[in-house]
Protein backbone atom coordinates (compact mmCIF):
# COMPACT_ATOMS: atom_id res chain seq x y z
CA UNK A 1 127.57 87.11 119.92
CA UNK A 2 128.33 83.66 121.69
CA UNK A 3 125.45 81.69 122.69
CA UNK A 4 125.16 80.20 126.12
CA UNK A 5 123.71 77.05 127.69
CA UNK A 6 122.69 77.55 131.25
CA UNK A 7 122.51 75.08 133.71
CA UNK A 8 123.03 74.52 137.51
CA UNK A 9 125.50 71.82 139.17
CA UNK A 10 125.51 71.02 142.64
CA UNK A 11 123.52 74.41 143.85
CA UNK A 12 125.58 76.47 141.26
CA UNK A 13 124.16 78.54 138.61
CA UNK A 14 126.41 77.95 135.33
CA UNK A 15 127.11 79.03 131.86
CA UNK A 16 129.24 77.49 129.17
CA UNK A 17 129.72 78.45 125.29
CA UNK A 18 126.88 75.98 123.71
CA UNK A 19 129.83 75.45 120.87
CA UNK A 20 131.90 73.58 123.24
CA UNK A 21 128.69 71.35 124.16
CA UNK A 22 128.26 68.38 121.57
CA UNK A 23 125.46 66.54 122.99
CA UNK A 24 123.17 66.58 126.05
CA UNK A 25 122.23 62.93 127.49
CA UNK A 26 119.21 62.19 129.59
CA UNK A 27 120.52 59.21 130.38
CA UNK A 28 123.98 57.22 130.15
CA UNK A 29 124.89 54.29 131.40
CA UNK A 30 128.07 54.90 133.31
CA UNK A 31 130.11 52.00 134.18
CA UNK A 32 132.16 52.98 137.69
CA UNK A 33 136.13 52.55 137.80
CA UNK A 34 137.72 51.06 140.84
CA UNK A 35 140.65 53.07 142.62
CA UNK A 36 138.68 56.41 141.02
CA UNK A 37 138.04 59.49 142.77
CA UNK A 38 134.30 59.97 144.18
CA UNK A 39 133.74 62.91 141.46
CA UNK A 40 134.57 61.04 138.59
CA UNK A 41 131.39 59.13 137.49
CA UNK A 42 133.16 56.75 135.54
CA UNK A 43 132.92 55.74 131.58
CA UNK A 44 129.71 55.60 129.38
CA UNK A 45 129.46 55.00 125.68
CA UNK A 46 128.28 57.78 123.48
CA UNK A 47 127.43 58.07 119.50
CA UNK A 48 129.76 54.48 119.95
CA UNK A 49 132.98 56.08 121.64
CA UNK A 50 134.11 55.95 125.09
CA UNK A 51 133.28 59.23 127.18
CA UNK A 52 134.70 59.55 131.00
CA UNK A 53 132.36 61.50 133.08
CA UNK A 54 132.76 63.86 135.78
CA UNK A 55 130.19 64.75 138.23
CA UNK A 56 130.60 68.34 138.37
CA UNK A 57 128.81 69.22 141.70
CA UNK A 58 131.04 66.77 143.70
CA UNK A 59 134.14 67.69 141.46
CA UNK A 60 133.39 71.60 142.94
CA UNK A 61 133.16 70.35 146.64
CA UNK A 62 129.39 70.98 146.68
CA UNK A 63 126.51 68.04 146.31
CA UNK A 64 126.60 65.43 143.40
CA UNK A 65 124.75 66.47 140.49
CA UNK A 66 122.24 63.95 139.53
CA UNK A 67 120.75 65.09 136.39
CA UNK A 68 121.76 65.19 132.56
CA UNK A 69 125.21 64.79 131.00
CA UNK A 70 126.86 67.27 129.00
CA UNK A 71 128.92 65.81 126.22
CA UNK A 72 131.78 68.18 125.31
CA UNK A 73 132.54 69.10 121.53
CA UNK A 74 136.21 67.20 120.88
CA UNK A 75 137.58 70.53 120.18
CA UNK A 76 136.89 71.51 123.96
CA UNK A 77 138.06 67.71 125.53
CA UNK A 78 136.29 64.12 125.22
CA UNK A 79 134.69 64.34 128.38
CA UNK A 80 131.07 64.44 129.81
CA UNK A 81 129.99 66.90 132.78
CA UNK A 82 126.98 65.78 135.16
CA UNK A 83 124.76 68.55 135.82
CA UNK A 84 121.51 69.01 137.36
CA UNK A 85 119.11 70.78 135.69
CA UNK A 86 119.23 72.40 131.97
CA UNK A 87 117.83 76.07 131.84
CA UNK A 88 118.36 76.38 128.55
CA UNK A 89 120.26 78.39 125.47
CA UNK A 90 120.80 82.24 126.22
CA UNK A 91 122.59 84.59 123.52
CA UNK A 92 122.17 87.50 126.48
CA UNK A 93 125.20 89.84 127.29
CA UNK A 94 128.05 88.82 129.51
CA UNK A 95 128.11 90.55 132.32
CA UNK A 96 130.69 91.92 134.73
CA UNK A 97 128.93 90.80 137.96
CA UNK A 98 131.50 91.24 141.23
CA UNK A 99 131.76 87.55 143.26
CA UNK A 100 129.44 87.73 146.30
CA UNK A 101 131.76 86.97 149.71
CA UNK A 102 130.11 83.68 149.67
CA UNK A 103 131.07 82.84 146.18
CA UNK A 104 134.72 83.77 146.76
CA UNK A 105 134.72 81.62 149.88
CA UNK A 106 133.07 78.86 147.61
CA UNK A 107 135.61 79.76 144.54
CA UNK A 108 138.65 79.39 147.21
CA UNK A 109 137.15 76.03 148.59
CA UNK A 110 136.16 74.68 144.54
CA UNK A 111 138.09 73.22 142.02
CA UNK A 112 136.16 75.27 139.40
CA UNK A 113 137.26 78.61 138.15
CA UNK A 114 134.29 80.90 138.45
CA UNK A 115 134.91 84.57 137.85
CA UNK A 116 133.10 87.62 137.68
CA UNK A 117 132.20 86.95 134.02
CA UNK A 118 128.42 85.86 134.01
CA UNK A 119 125.13 85.99 132.07
CA UNK A 120 122.05 87.60 134.08
CA UNK A 121 118.80 85.03 132.98
CA UNK A 122 115.53 85.68 135.05
CA UNK A 123 117.28 87.32 138.22
CA UNK A 124 119.96 84.61 138.27
CA UNK A 125 123.56 84.86 137.89
CA UNK A 126 125.05 82.05 135.80
CA UNK A 127 128.94 82.02 136.41
CA UNK A 128 130.47 81.57 132.98
CA UNK A 129 132.61 78.35 133.50
CA UNK A 130 135.78 78.45 131.45
CA UNK A 131 135.55 74.92 129.86
CA UNK A 132 139.35 75.04 128.42
CA UNK A 133 140.79 75.61 132.14
CA UNK A 134 138.71 72.95 133.52
CA UNK A 135 139.80 70.10 131.45
CA UNK A 136 143.45 70.98 131.43
CA UNK A 137 143.79 71.39 134.78
CA UNK A 138 145.50 68.92 136.69
CA UNK A 139 142.81 68.37 139.70
CA UNK A 140 140.09 67.29 136.60
CA UNK A 141 143.09 65.01 134.92
CA UNK A 142 143.87 63.23 137.80
CA UNK A 143 140.81 60.74 138.61
CA UNK A 144 143.04 58.45 140.43
CA UNK A 145 141.76 58.17 143.92
CA UNK A 146 144.44 59.64 146.29
CA UNK A 147 145.42 57.42 149.36
């Protein structure tokens, strides 16, 4: 069974396979990069290597995330995802939970690919974030500010 990391970003409860998260950083010094989108936080140094950091809440069109940074495992991508809160690890079963009308609207307005796949933990539905689709999407890769 896959273990998932539960977290929230911009008011959205999310889950990601823990095998795709290399480290969780409490505080990273992030250097902004001129001419980039507001959701692209900038570049940090983690474990002696450059790490581009994206604000997941802002990327999803929600409020900015201000908490920890998830450093993705290099097998997934060289990227950091700034989120708000880390709930913890969970090995609960994945459930099919239909999206509510509010979530359907949010999915269409958001760049996050949320589906009906979710982990239910403490009465909260944590939608599984498809890390692979996210980091390969043109929206995620194109950090240049659109004029």
